[in-house]
Amino acid sequence: MNRKNPAKAVELLQTAAPYDIGSFSPYVGTLYPVLVRGQAFLLLRQGREAAVEFQKFIDYRGVVQNSPLAALAHLGLARAGAIQGNIPQARAAYQDFLTLWKEADSDIPVLQQAKREYTNLR
């Protein structure tokens, strides 16, 4: 991803797919490879594939528990919906993200960007 090659990132991260639901501790999993794979799909403008990855955070809430990555997955779902042209899905996911972050500091860049994207959604 840092080398601006999201296709290679997806390829490399596929090796982690069998362990997506694994955990680094007995108490909480992260699904971090899933998040990065979803972000790579967004960069490739592959909304459907990105949505599949981000949906895993919703489907496996018991694994991620209160990880901040779970909230970011809602933003990823919103962006995936927008790429697909599925405006109702994108709106709902943006609203979920903004609800989860309603108590966050308003100057956090990812929150400011999400608000702009939500406002510009057509």
N, C-alpha and C. Protein backbone atom coordinates (compact mmCIF):
# COMPACT_ATOMS: atom_id res chain seq x y z
N MET A 1 0.83 -1.18 0.00
CA MET A 1 0.00 0.00 0.00
C MET A 1 0.89 1.26 0.00
N ASN A 2 1.93 1.23 0.80
CA ASN A 2 2.83 2.39 0.85
C ASN A 2 3.57 2.61 -0.46
N ARG A 3 3.68 1.56 -1.25
CA ARG A 3 4.35 1.68 -2.54
C ARG A 3 3.37 1.97 -3.66
N LYS A 4 2.15 2.32 -3.29
CA LYS A 4 1.11 2.69 -4.27
C LYS A 4 0.80 1.55 -5.24
N ASN A 5 0.75 0.33 -4.67
CA ASN A 5 0.44 -0.83 -5.48
C ASN A 5 -0.62 -1.66 -4.76
N PRO A 6 -1.88 -1.17 -4.76
CA PRO A 6 -2.92 -1.90 -4.03
C PRO A 6 -3.20 -3.29 -4.57
N ALA A 7 -2.98 -3.52 -5.86
CA ALA A 7 -3.20 -4.86 -6.42
C ALA A 7 -2.22 -5.86 -5.80
N LYS A 8 -0.99 -5.44 -5.61
CA LYS A 8 0.01 -6.31 -4.99
C LYS A 8 -0.34 -6.53 -3.52
N ALA A 9 -0.85 -5.49 -2.87
CA ALA A 9 -1.26 -5.63 -1.47
C ALA A 9 -2.36 -6.67 -1.33
N VAL A 10 -3.34 -6.62 -2.23
CA VAL A 10 -4.42 -7.62 -2.20
C VAL A 10 -3.84 -9.01 -2.41
N GLU A 11 -2.96 -9.13 -3.39
CA GLU A 11 -2.33 -10.43 -3.67
C GLU A 11 -1.60 -10.96 -2.43
N LEU A 12 -0.80 -10.13 -1.81
CA LEU A 12 -0.04 -10.57 -0.63
C LEU A 12 -0.94 -10.88 0.55
N LEU A 13 -1.99 -10.10 0.71
CA LEU A 13 -2.89 -10.30 1.86
C LEU A 13 -3.80 -11.51 1.69
N GLN A 14 -3.91 -12.03 0.49
CA GLN A 14 -4.73 -13.23 0.29
C GLN A 14 -4.17 -14.41 1.09
N THR A 15 -2.87 -14.41 1.32
CA THR A 15 -2.29 -15.52 2.11
C THR A 15 -2.78 -15.50 3.55
N ALA A 16 -3.20 -14.35 4.03
CA ALA A 16 -3.71 -14.24 5.40
C ALA A 16 -5.19 -14.59 5.50
N ALA A 17 -5.88 -14.69 4.37
CA ALA A 17 -7.33 -14.90 4.36
C ALA A 17 -7.79 -16.09 5.21
N PRO A 18 -7.10 -17.23 5.18
CA PRO A 18 -7.57 -18.35 6.01
C PRO A 18 -7.53 -18.05 7.51
N TYR A 19 -6.80 -17.02 7.89
CA TYR A 19 -6.64 -16.68 9.31
C TYR A 19 -7.34 -15.37 9.67
N ASP A 20 -8.22 -14.89 8.80
CA ASP A 20 -8.88 -13.60 9.02
C ASP A 20 -9.55 -13.49 10.37
N ILE A 21 -10.15 -14.55 10.82
CA ILE A 21 -10.91 -14.51 12.07
C ILE A 21 -10.02 -14.90 13.26
N GLY A 22 -8.75 -15.10 13.01
CA GLY A 22 -7.81 -15.44 14.08
C GLY A 22 -7.63 -14.29 15.05
N SER A 23 -6.88 -14.54 16.09
CA SER A 23 -6.72 -13.55 17.14
C SER A 23 -5.26 -13.47 17.56
N PHE A 24 -4.84 -12.27 17.93
CA PHE A 24 -3.49 -12.12 18.44
C PHE A 24 -3.44 -12.31 19.95
N SER A 25 -4.59 -12.39 20.57
CA SER A 25 -4.65 -12.64 22.01
C SER A 25 -5.88 -13.50 22.29
N PRO A 26 -5.98 -14.07 23.47
CA PRO A 26 -7.16 -14.88 23.76
C PRO A 26 -8.41 -14.03 23.97
N TYR A 27 -8.28 -12.72 23.97
CA TYR A 27 -9.41 -11.86 24.31
C TYR A 27 -10.01 -11.10 23.14
N VAL A 28 -9.22 -10.74 22.17
CA VAL A 28 -9.76 -9.92 21.08
C VAL A 28 -8.97 -10.16 19.79
N GLY A 29 -9.69 -10.17 18.68
CA GLY A 29 -9.07 -10.26 17.37
C GLY A 29 -9.05 -8.88 16.74
N THR A 30 -8.36 -8.74 15.66
CA THR A 30 -8.29 -7.42 15.04
C THR A 30 -8.85 -7.38 13.63
N LEU A 31 -8.73 -8.45 12.90
CA LEU A 31 -9.10 -8.47 11.48
C LEU A 31 -8.31 -7.43 10.69
N TYR A 32 -7.14 -7.06 11.18
CA TYR A 32 -6.34 -6.02 10.52
C TYR A 32 -6.06 -6.32 9.05
N PRO A 33 -5.67 -7.55 8.69
CA PRO A 33 -5.46 -7.82 7.26
C PRO A 33 -6.73 -7.59 6.44
N VAL A 34 -7.88 -7.85 7.03
CA VAL A 34 -9.15 -7.63 6.34
C VAL A 34 -9.35 -6.14 6.05
N LEU A 35 -9.04 -5.31 7.04
CA LEU A 35 -9.18 -3.86 6.86
C LEU A 35 -8.26 -3.37 5.74
N VAL A 36 -7.03 -3.80 5.76
CA VAL A 36 -6.07 -3.35 4.75
C VAL A 36 -6.47 -3.86 3.37
N ARG A 37 -6.93 -5.11 3.31
CA ARG A 37 -7.40 -5.66 2.03
C ARG A 37 -8.59 -4.84 1.51
N GLY A 38 -9.51 -4.49 2.40
CA GLY A 38 -10.65 -3.67 2.01
C GLY A 38 -10.21 -2.31 1.50
N GLN A 39 -9.24 -1.70 2.17
CA GLN A 39 -8.73 -0.41 1.73
C GLN A 39 -8.05 -0.51 0.37
N ALA A 40 -7.35 -1.61 0.14
CA ALA A 40 -6.71 -1.82 -1.16
C ALA A 40 -7.76 -1.93 -2.26
N PHE A 41 -8.84 -2.66 -1.98
CA PHE A 41 -9.92 -2.77 -2.96
C PHE A 41 -10.54 -1.40 -3.23
N LEU A 42 -10.66 -0.56 -2.20
CA LEU A 42 -11.18 0.79 -2.43
C LEU A 42 -10.27 1.56 -3.38
N LEU A 43 -8.97 1.46 -3.16
CA LEU A 43 -8.02 2.16 -4.04
C LEU A 43 -8.12 1.64 -5.48
N LEU A 44 -8.46 0.38 -5.63
CA LEU A 44 -8.63 -0.21 -6.96
C LEU A 44 -10.02 0.08 -7.53
N ARG A 45 -10.86 0.79 -6.75
CA ARG A 45 -12.23 1.12 -7.15
C ARG A 45 -13.08 -0.14 -7.35
N GLN A 46 -12.79 -1.18 -6.56
CA GLN A 46 -13.54 -2.43 -6.59
C GLN A 46 -14.46 -2.44 -5.36
N GLY A 47 -15.57 -1.74 -5.48
CA GLY A 47 -16.47 -1.54 -4.35
C GLY A 47 -17.08 -2.82 -3.80
N ARG A 48 -17.47 -3.72 -4.68
CA ARG A 48 -18.09 -4.96 -4.21
C ARG A 48 -17.12 -5.77 -3.37
N GLU A 49 -15.90 -5.91 -3.85
CA GLU A 49 -14.90 -6.67 -3.12
C GLU A 49 -14.55 -6.00 -1.78
N ALA A 50 -14.46 -4.67 -1.81
CA ALA A 50 -14.18 -3.93 -0.58
C ALA A 50 -15.29 -4.14 0.44
N ALA A 51 -16.54 -4.08 -0.03
CA ALA A 51 -17.68 -4.25 0.87
C ALA A 51 -17.66 -5.62 1.54
N VAL A 52 -17.28 -6.64 0.79
CA VAL A 52 -17.20 -8.00 1.35
C VAL A 52 -16.22 -8.02 2.52
N GLU A 53 -15.07 -7.36 2.33
CA GLU A 53 -14.06 -7.34 3.39
C GLU A 53 -14.56 -6.56 4.61
N PHE A 54 -15.08 -5.38 4.41
CA PHE A 54 -15.53 -4.57 5.54
C PHE A 54 -16.72 -5.18 6.26
N GLN A 55 -17.56 -5.91 5.53
CA GLN A 55 -18.72 -6.55 6.15
C GLN A 55 -18.30 -7.59 7.18
N LYS A 56 -17.10 -8.14 7.04
CA LYS A 56 -16.61 -9.12 8.01
C LYS A 56 -16.55 -8.53 9.42
N PHE A 57 -16.27 -7.24 9.52
CA PHE A 57 -16.25 -6.60 10.83
C PHE A 57 -17.64 -6.60 11.47
N ILE A 58 -18.65 -6.42 10.64
CA ILE A 58 -20.03 -6.43 11.13
C ILE A 58 -20.42 -7.86 11.51
N ASP A 59 -20.04 -8.79 10.65
CA ASP A 59 -20.41 -10.19 10.85
C ASP A 59 -19.70 -10.82 12.05
N TYR A 60 -18.52 -10.33 12.38
CA TYR A 60 -17.71 -10.92 13.46
C TYR A 60 -17.46 -9.92 14.59
N ARG A 61 -18.52 -9.24 15.00
CA ARG A 61 -18.40 -8.26 16.09
C ARG A 61 -17.83 -8.87 17.35
N GLY A 62 -18.12 -10.11 17.61
CA GLY A 62 -17.60 -10.77 18.79
C GLY A 62 -16.10 -10.95 18.75
N VAL A 63 -15.54 -10.97 17.56
CA VAL A 63 -14.09 -11.12 17.42
C VAL A 63 -13.40 -9.78 17.63
N VAL A 64 -13.92 -8.73 17.01
CA VAL A 64 -13.25 -7.43 17.08
C VAL A 64 -13.62 -6.64 18.34
N GLN A 65 -14.72 -7.00 18.94
CA GLN A 65 -15.21 -6.35 20.16
C GLN A 65 -15.20 -4.83 20.00
N ASN A 66 -14.43 -4.11 20.80
CA ASN A 66 -14.47 -2.65 20.74
C ASN A 66 -13.24 -2.07 20.03
N SER A 67 -12.67 -2.82 19.12
CA SER A 67 -11.52 -2.33 18.37
C SER A 67 -11.92 -1.12 17.53
N PRO A 68 -11.07 -0.09 17.50
CA PRO A 68 -11.38 1.08 16.66
C PRO A 68 -11.46 0.72 15.18
N LEU A 69 -10.85 -0.39 14.80
CA LEU A 69 -10.92 -0.80 13.40
C LEU A 69 -12.35 -1.12 13.00
N ALA A 70 -13.16 -1.59 13.94
CA ALA A 70 -14.55 -1.92 13.62
C ALA A 70 -15.31 -0.68 13.19
N ALA A 71 -15.06 0.44 13.85
CA ALA A 71 -15.72 1.69 13.45
C ALA A 71 -15.25 2.12 12.06
N LEU A 72 -13.96 1.96 11.80
CA LEU A 72 -13.43 2.33 10.49
C LEU A 72 -13.99 1.44 9.38
N ALA A 73 -14.38 0.23 9.74
CA ALA A 73 -15.00 -0.66 8.75
C ALA A 73 -16.32 -0.09 8.25
N HIS A 74 -17.06 0.59 9.11
CA HIS A 74 -18.31 1.24 8.68
C HIS A 74 -18.01 2.30 7.63
N LEU A 75 -16.93 3.04 7.85
CA LEU A 75 -16.52 4.05 6.87
C LEU A 75 -16.12 3.37 5.56
N GLY A 76 -15.40 2.26 5.65
CA GLY A 76 -15.04 1.51 4.45
C GLY A 76 -16.26 1.02 3.70
N LEU A 77 -17.26 0.54 4.44
CA LEU A 77 -18.51 0.10 3.80
C LEU A 77 -19.20 1.27 3.09
N ALA A 78 -19.17 2.42 3.72
CA ALA A 78 -19.78 3.61 3.11
C ALA A 78 -19.08 3.95 1.80
N ARG A 79 -17.78 3.95 1.84
CA ARG A 79 -17.01 4.28 0.64
C ARG A 79 -17.22 3.22 -0.45
N ALA A 80 -17.31 1.96 -0.06
CA ALA A 80 -17.56 0.89 -1.02
C ALA A 80 -18.93 1.07 -1.67
N GLY A 81 -19.91 1.41 -0.85
CA GLY A 81 -21.25 1.65 -1.40
C GLY A 81 -21.25 2.80 -2.38
N ALA A 82 -20.52 3.86 -2.06
CA ALA A 82 -20.44 5.02 -2.96
C ALA A 82 -19.79 4.63 -4.28
N ILE A 83 -18.73 3.84 -4.23
CA ILE A 83 -18.05 3.40 -5.46
C ILE A 83 -19.00 2.58 -6.32
N GLN A 84 -19.83 1.77 -5.68
CA GLN A 84 -20.77 0.92 -6.42
C GLN A 84 -21.99 1.69 -6.92
N GLY A 85 -22.12 2.94 -6.45
CA GLY A 85 -23.30 3.72 -6.81
C GLY A 85 -24.51 3.36 -5.98
N ASN A 86 -24.30 2.63 -4.90
CA ASN A 86 -25.40 2.24 -4.00
C ASN A 86 -25.51 3.31 -2.91
N ILE A 87 -26.18 4.40 -3.27
CA ILE A 87 -26.25 5.56 -2.38
C ILE A 87 -26.99 5.25 -1.08
N PRO A 88 -28.11 4.51 -1.09
CA PRO A 88 -28.76 4.20 0.20
C PRO A 88 -27.85 3.41 1.14
N GLN A 89 -27.12 2.44 0.60
CA GLN A 89 -26.19 1.67 1.43
C GLN A 89 -25.07 2.57 1.95
N ALA A 90 -24.54 3.41 1.09
CA ALA A 90 -23.47 4.32 1.49
C ALA A 90 -23.95 5.27 2.58
N ARG A 91 -25.13 5.86 2.40
CA ARG A 91 -25.68 6.77 3.42
C ARG A 91 -25.82 6.08 4.78
N ALA A 92 -26.38 4.89 4.76
CA ALA A 92 -26.58 4.15 6.01
C ALA A 92 -25.25 3.86 6.70
N ALA A 93 -24.25 3.47 5.93
CA ALA A 93 -22.95 3.16 6.52
C ALA A 93 -22.27 4.43 7.03
N TYR A 94 -22.38 5.53 6.30
CA TYR A 94 -21.83 6.79 6.80
C TYR A 94 -22.52 7.18 8.11
N GLN A 95 -23.83 7.03 8.15
CA GLN A 95 -24.57 7.36 9.37
C GLN A 95 -24.12 6.48 10.54
N ASP A 96 -23.90 5.19 10.27
CA ASP A 96 -23.41 4.30 11.33
C ASP A 96 -22.04 4.77 11.83
N PHE A 97 -21.15 5.10 10.90
CA PHE A 97 -19.82 5.57 11.29
C PHE A 97 -19.92 6.86 12.11
N LEU A 98 -20.70 7.81 11.61
CA LEU A 98 -20.81 9.10 12.30
C LEU A 98 -21.47 8.95 13.67
N THR A 99 -22.39 8.01 13.81
CA THR A 99 -22.99 7.74 15.12
C THR A 99 -21.95 7.17 16.08
N LEU A 100 -21.15 6.23 15.58
CA LEU A 100 -20.12 5.64 16.42
C LEU A 100 -19.09 6.69 16.87
N TRP A 101 -18.86 7.68 16.04
CA TRP A 101 -17.84 8.70 16.32
C TRP A 101 -18.45 10.03 16.79
N LYS A 102 -19.68 10.02 17.22
CA LYS A 102 -20.34 11.28 17.59
C LYS A 102 -19.66 11.98 18.77
N GLU A 103 -18.97 11.25 19.62
CA GLU A 103 -18.29 11.83 20.77
C GLU A 103 -16.81 12.12 20.49
N ALA A 104 -16.35 11.82 19.28
CA ALA A 104 -14.94 12.01 18.94
C ALA A 104 -14.62 13.50 18.79
N ASP A 105 -13.36 13.83 18.96
CA ASP A 105 -12.92 15.21 18.72
C ASP A 105 -13.22 15.57 17.28
N SER A 106 -13.78 16.73 17.08
CA SER A 106 -14.22 17.13 15.74
C SER A 106 -13.08 17.42 14.78
N ASP A 107 -11.87 17.56 15.28
CA ASP A 107 -10.75 17.89 14.39
C ASP A 107 -9.96 16.67 13.93
N ILE A 108 -10.47 15.48 14.16
CA ILE A 108 -9.80 14.27 13.69
C ILE A 108 -9.96 14.20 12.17
N PRO A 109 -8.85 14.12 11.43
CA PRO A 109 -8.94 14.17 9.96
C PRO A 109 -9.87 13.14 9.33
N VAL A 110 -9.85 11.90 9.80
CA VAL A 110 -10.71 10.89 9.17
C VAL A 110 -12.19 11.22 9.41
N LEU A 111 -12.50 11.81 10.54
CA LEU A 111 -13.88 12.21 10.81
C LEU A 111 -14.28 13.39 9.93
N GLN A 112 -13.41 14.35 9.79
CA GLN A 112 -13.70 15.50 8.92
C GLN A 112 -13.91 15.04 7.48
N GLN A 113 -13.05 14.14 7.02
CA GLN A 113 -13.17 13.63 5.65
C GLN A 113 -14.48 12.86 5.47
N ALA A 114 -14.84 12.03 6.44
CA ALA A 114 -16.09 11.26 6.36
C ALA A 114 -17.29 12.19 6.29
N LYS A 115 -17.27 13.26 7.07
CA LYS A 115 -18.38 14.22 7.05
C LYS A 115 -18.49 14.88 5.68
N ARG A 116 -17.35 15.24 5.09
CA ARG A 116 -17.37 15.84 3.75
C ARG A 116 -17.92 14.85 2.72
N GLU A 117 -17.45 13.63 2.80
CA GLU A 117 -17.92 12.61 1.84
C GLU A 117 -19.43 12.39 1.98
N TYR A 118 -19.89 12.33 3.21
CA TYR A 118 -21.33 12.12 3.46
C TYR A 118 -22.14 13.28 2.91
N THR A 119 -21.66 14.50 3.13
CA THR A 119 -22.35 15.69 2.63
C THR A 119 -22.40 15.71 1.11
N ASN A 120 -21.33 15.25 0.48
CA ASN A 120 -21.24 15.29 -1.00
C ASN A 120 -21.88 14.09 -1.67
N LEU A 121 -22.38 13.14 -0.89
CA LEU A 121 -22.99 11.94 -1.46
C LEU A 121 -24.24 12.30 -2.23
N ARG A 122 -24.32 11.88 -3.46
CA ARG A 122 -25.49 12.20 -4.31
C ARG A 122 -26.03 10.94 -4.94
